[in-house]
């Protein structure tokens, strides 16, 4: 039986103070919407959604 590798979202440098944020942005090249996702510290959450 084959073994399956399981990836985790645990960021060892940030600890428990991190969140995964996903937002939709419009591509200037094609005009379609794409999803931008990142794992960031909690205090940088508002900057991520503001597009900074």
PDB file of N, CA and C in Angstrom:
ATOM      1  N   UNK A   1       0.848  -1.170   0.000  1.00  0.00           N
ATOM      2  CA  UNK A   1       0.000   0.000   0.000  1.00  0.00           C
ATOM      3  C   UNK A   1       0.896   1.236   0.000  1.00  0.00           C
ATOM      4  N   UNK A   2       0.535   2.219  -0.777  1.00  0.00           N
ATOM      5  CA  UNK A   2       1.332   3.446  -0.894  1.00  0.00           C
ATOM      6  C   UNK A   2       1.072   4.370   0.293  1.00  0.00           C
ATOM      7  N   UNK A   3       2.123   5.086   0.686  1.00  0.00           N
ATOM      8  CA  UNK A   3       1.982   6.058   1.771  1.00  0.00           C
ATOM      9  C   UNK A   3       1.672   7.420   1.175  1.00  0.00           C
ATOM     10  N   UNK A   4       0.889   8.174   1.872  1.00  0.00           N
ATOM     11  CA  UNK A   4       0.495   9.505   1.406  1.00  0.00           C
ATOM     12  C   UNK A   4       1.129  10.564   2.312  1.00  0.00           C
ATOM     13  N   UNK A   5       1.789  11.536   1.696  1.00  0.00           N
ATOM     14  CA  UNK A   5       2.369  12.635   2.468  1.00  0.00           C
ATOM     15  C   UNK A   5       1.289  13.677   2.722  1.00  0.00           C
ATOM     16  N   UNK A   6       1.211  14.176   3.935  1.00  0.00           N
ATOM     17  CA  UNK A   6       0.195  15.154   4.311  1.00  0.00           C
ATOM     18  C   UNK A   6       0.889  16.465   4.637  1.00  0.00           C
ATOM     19  N   UNK A   7       0.513  17.527   3.939  1.00  0.00           N
ATOM     20  CA  UNK A   7       1.085  18.846   4.202  1.00  0.00           C
ATOM     21  C   UNK A   7       0.259  19.555   5.261  1.00  0.00           C
ATOM     22  N   UNK A   8       0.935  20.317   6.098  1.00  0.00           N
ATOM     23  CA  UNK A   8       0.239  21.077   7.116  1.00  0.00           C
ATOM     24  C   UNK A   8       0.448  22.553   6.882  1.00  0.00           C
ATOM     25  N   UNK A   9      -0.439  23.376   7.425  1.00  0.00           N
ATOM     26  CA  UNK A   9      -0.347  24.821   7.294  1.00  0.00           C
ATOM     27  C   UNK A   9       0.423  25.449   8.444  1.00  0.00           C
ATOM     28  N   UNK A  10       1.048  24.643   9.248  1.00  0.00           N
ATOM     29  CA  UNK A  10       1.735  25.177  10.422  1.00  0.00           C
ATOM     30  C   UNK A  10       3.019  25.883  10.008  1.00  0.00           C
ATOM     31  N   UNK A  11       3.067  27.156  10.296  1.00  0.00           N
ATOM     32  CA  UNK A  11       4.255  27.960  10.028  1.00  0.00           C
ATOM     33  C   UNK A  11       5.064  27.992  11.318  1.00  0.00           C
ATOM     34  N   UNK A  12       6.228  27.389  11.315  1.00  0.00           N
ATOM     35  CA  UNK A  12       6.990  27.242  12.548  1.00  0.00           C
ATOM     36  C   UNK A  12       7.551  28.564  13.051  1.00  0.00           C
ATOM     37  N   UNK A  13       7.704  29.556  12.187  1.00  0.00           N
ATOM     38  CA  UNK A  13       8.266  30.834  12.625  1.00  0.00           C
ATOM     39  C   UNK A  13       7.205  31.730  13.245  1.00  0.00           C
ATOM     40  N   UNK A  14       5.970  31.678  12.776  1.00  0.00           N
ATOM     41  CA  UNK A  14       4.931  32.588  13.255  1.00  0.00           C
ATOM     42  C   UNK A  14       4.202  32.044  14.480  1.00  0.00           C
ATOM     43  N   UNK A  15       4.180  30.749  14.668  1.00  0.00           N
ATOM     44  CA  UNK A  15       3.492  30.173  15.821  1.00  0.00           C
ATOM     45  C   UNK A  15       1.988  30.180  15.625  1.00  0.00           C
ATOM     46  N   UNK A  16       1.253  30.377  16.709  1.00  0.00           N
ATOM     47  CA  UNK A  16      -0.206  30.334  16.635  1.00  0.00           C
ATOM     48  C   UNK A  16      -0.810  31.661  16.213  1.00  0.00           C
ATOM     49  N   UNK A  17      -0.008  32.696  16.058  1.00  0.00           N
ATOM     50  CA  UNK A  17      -0.532  34.004  15.716  1.00  0.00           C
ATOM     51  C   UNK A  17      -0.591  34.256  14.230  1.00  0.00           C
ATOM     52  N   UNK A  18      -0.928  33.234  13.435  1.00  0.00           N
ATOM     53  CA  UNK A  18      -1.004  33.433  11.996  1.00  0.00           C
ATOM     54  C   UNK A  18      -2.354  32.942  11.464  1.00  0.00           C
ATOM     55  N   UNK A  19      -2.783  33.546  10.356  1.00  0.00           N
ATOM     56  CA  UNK A  19      -4.050  33.186   9.727  1.00  0.00           C
ATOM     57  C   UNK A  19      -3.831  33.042   8.228  1.00  0.00           C
ATOM     58  N   UNK A  20      -4.690  32.270   7.591  1.00  0.00           N
ATOM     59  CA  UNK A  20      -4.656  32.132   6.141  1.00  0.00           C
ATOM     60  C   UNK A  20      -5.728  33.049   5.568  1.00  0.00           C
ATOM     61  N   UNK A  21      -5.321  34.012   4.756  1.00  0.00           N
ATOM     62  CA  UNK A  21      -6.241  34.976   4.168  1.00  0.00           C
ATOM     63  C   UNK A  21      -6.339  34.741   2.666  1.00  0.00           C
ATOM     64  N   UNK A  22      -7.551  34.806   2.158  1.00  0.00           N
ATOM     65  CA  UNK A  22      -7.803  34.624   0.731  1.00  0.00           C
ATOM     66  C   UNK A  22      -8.634  35.802   0.255  1.00  0.00           C
ATOM     67  N   UNK A  23      -8.216  36.438  -0.847  1.00  0.00           N
ATOM     68  CA  UNK A  23      -9.012  37.516  -1.425  1.00  0.00           C
ATOM     69  C   UNK A  23      -9.038  37.371  -2.940  1.00  0.00           C
ATOM     70  N   UNK A  24     -10.058  37.936  -3.547  1.00  0.00           N
ATOM     71  CA  UNK A  24     -10.218  37.910  -4.993  1.00  0.00           C
ATOM     72  C   UNK A  24      -9.701  39.214  -5.574  1.00  0.00           C
ATOM     73  N   UNK A  25      -8.848  39.120  -6.577  1.00  0.00           N
ATOM     74  CA  UNK A  25      -8.349  40.302  -7.266  1.00  0.00           C
ATOM     75  C   UNK A  25      -8.571  40.117  -8.759  1.00  0.00           C
ATOM     76  N   UNK A  26      -8.728  41.218  -9.441  1.00  0.00           N
ATOM     77  CA  UNK A  26      -8.974  41.165 -10.876  1.00  0.00           C
ATOM     78  C   UNK A  26      -7.650  41.263 -11.622  1.00  0.00           C
ATOM     79  N   UNK A  27      -7.415  40.366 -12.539  1.00  0.00           N
ATOM     80  CA  UNK A  27      -6.195  40.355 -13.333  1.00  0.00           C
ATOM     81  C   UNK A  27      -6.269  41.456 -14.383  1.00  0.00           C
ATOM     82  N   UNK A  28      -5.230  42.283 -14.443  1.00  0.00           N
ATOM     83  CA  UNK A  28      -5.225  43.363 -15.433  1.00  0.00           C
ATOM     84  C   UNK A  28      -5.006  42.826 -16.844  1.00  0.00           C
ATOM     85  N   UNK A  29      -4.317  41.719 -16.973  1.00  0.00           N
ATOM     86  CA  UNK A  29      -4.014  41.163 -18.288  1.00  0.00           C
ATOM     87  C   UNK A  29      -5.247  40.553 -18.952  1.00  0.00           C
ATOM     88  N   UNK A  30      -5.972  39.698 -18.223  1.00  0.00           N
ATOM     89  CA  UNK A  30      -7.098  38.985 -18.830  1.00  0.00           C
ATOM     90  C   UNK A  30      -8.459  39.498 -18.375  1.00  0.00           C
ATOM     91  N   UNK A  31      -8.507  40.219 -17.260  1.00  0.00           N
ATOM     92  CA  UNK A  31      -9.780  40.700 -16.740  1.00  0.00           C
ATOM     93  C   UNK A  31     -10.507  39.691 -15.879  1.00  0.00           C
ATOM     94  N   UNK A  32      -9.965  38.489 -15.758  1.00  0.00           N
ATOM     95  CA  UNK A  32     -10.594  37.455 -14.941  1.00  0.00           C
ATOM     96  C   UNK A  32     -10.203  37.638 -13.479  1.00  0.00           C
ATOM     97  N   UNK A  33     -11.008  37.080 -12.598  1.00  0.00           N
ATOM     98  CA  UNK A  33     -10.700  37.136 -11.179  1.00  0.00           C
ATOM     99  C   UNK A  33      -9.777  35.978 -10.808  1.00  0.00           C
ATOM    100  N   UNK A  34      -8.799  36.264  -9.963  1.00  0.00           N
ATOM    101  CA  UNK A  34      -7.898  35.242  -9.445  1.00  0.00           C
ATOM    102  C   UNK A  34      -7.897  35.344  -7.927  1.00  0.00           C
ATOM    103  N   UNK A  35      -7.571  34.259  -7.274  1.00  0.00           N
ATOM    104  CA  UNK A  35      -7.525  34.227  -5.823  1.00  0.00           C
ATOM    105  C   UNK A  35      -6.090  34.386  -5.365  1.00  0.00           C
ATOM    106  N   UNK A  36      -5.889  35.311  -4.434  1.00  0.00           N
ATOM    107  CA  UNK A  36      -4.574  35.519  -3.845  1.00  0.00           C
ATOM    108  C   UNK A  36      -4.672  35.082  -2.394  1.00  0.00           C
ATOM    109  N   UNK A  37      -3.843  34.120  -2.017  1.00  0.00           N
ATOM    110  CA  UNK A  37      -3.902  33.614  -0.656  1.00  0.00           C
ATOM    111  C   UNK A  37      -2.508  33.611  -0.049  1.00  0.00           C
ATOM    112  N   UNK A  38      -2.478  33.819   1.255  1.00  0.00           N
ATOM    113  CA  UNK A  38      -1.213  33.910   1.954  1.00  0.00           C
ATOM    114  C   UNK A  38      -1.431  33.601   3.430  1.00  0.00           C
ATOM    115  N   UNK A  39      -0.401  33.106   4.081  1.00  0.00           N
ATOM    116  CA  UNK A  39      -0.438  32.878   5.521  1.00  0.00           C
ATOM    117  C   UNK A  39       0.358  34.011   6.153  1.00  0.00           C
ATOM    118  N   UNK A  40      -0.336  34.827   6.939  1.00  0.00           N
ATOM    119  CA  UNK A  40       0.266  36.045   7.475  1.00  0.00           C
ATOM    120  C   UNK A  40      -0.001  36.154   8.968  1.00  0.00           C
ATOM    121  N   UNK A  41       0.768  36.978   9.686  1.00  0.00           N
ATOM    122  CA  UNK A  41       0.473  37.223  11.100  1.00  0.00           C
ATOM    123  C   UNK A  41      -0.855  37.968  11.261  1.00  0.00           C
ATOM    124  N   UNK A  42      -1.476  37.810  12.403  1.00  0.00           N
ATOM    125  CA  UNK A  42      -2.795  38.395  12.644  1.00  0.00           C
ATOM    126  C   UNK A  42      -2.767  39.916  12.545  1.00  0.00           C
ATOM    127  N   UNK A  43      -1.686  40.547  13.004  1.00  0.00           N
ATOM    128  CA  UNK A  43      -1.655  42.006  12.993  1.00  0.00           C
ATOM    129  C   UNK A  43      -1.482  42.595  11.591  1.00  0.00           C
ATOM    130  N   UNK A  44      -1.110  41.817  10.593  1.00  0.00           N
ATOM    131  CA  UNK A  44      -0.953  42.298   9.212  1.00  0.00           C
ATOM    132  C   UNK A  44      -2.187  42.020   8.347  1.00  0.00           C
ATOM    133  N   UNK A  45      -3.248  41.525   8.975  1.00  0.00           N
ATOM    134  CA  UNK A  45      -4.448  41.107   8.252  1.00  0.00           C
ATOM    135  C   UNK A  45      -5.119  42.274   7.519  1.00  0.00           C
ATOM    136  N   UNK A  46      -5.266  43.404   8.163  1.00  0.00           N
ATOM    137  CA  UNK A  46      -5.929  44.552   7.544  1.00  0.00           C
ATOM    138  C   UNK A  46      -5.128  45.095   6.368  1.00  0.00           C
ATOM    139  N   UNK A  47      -3.803  45.061   6.457  1.00  0.00           N
ATOM    140  CA  UNK A  47      -2.963  45.508   5.343  1.00  0.00           C
ATOM    141  C   UNK A  47      -3.119  44.583   4.131  1.00  0.00           C
ATOM    142  N   UNK A  48      -3.277  43.284   4.376  1.00  0.00           N
ATOM    143  CA  UNK A  48      -3.451  42.342   3.279  1.00  0.00           C
ATOM    144  C   UNK A  48      -4.741  42.618   2.511  1.00  0.00           C
ATOM    145  N   UNK A  49      -5.832  42.855   3.238  1.00  0.00           N
ATOM    146  CA  UNK A  49      -7.108  43.086   2.573  1.00  0.00           C
ATOM    147  C   UNK A  49      -7.215  44.482   1.990  1.00  0.00           C
ATOM    148  N   UNK A  50      -6.373  45.406   2.458  1.00  0.00           N
ATOM    149  CA  UNK A  50      -6.352  46.752   1.878  1.00  0.00           C
ATOM    150  C   UNK A  50      -5.531  46.788   0.590  1.00  0.00           C
ATOM    151  N   UNK A  51      -4.822  45.702   0.295  1.00  0.00           N
ATOM    152  CA  UNK A  51      -4.052  45.627  -0.939  1.00  0.00           C
ATOM    153  C   UNK A  51      -2.660  46.203  -0.811  1.00  0.00           C
ATOM    154  N   UNK A  52      -2.174  46.404   0.396  1.00  0.00           N
ATOM    155  CA  UNK A  52      -0.843  46.990   0.590  1.00  0.00           C
ATOM    156  C   UNK A  52       0.236  45.924   0.600  1.00  0.00           C
TER     157      UNK A  52
END
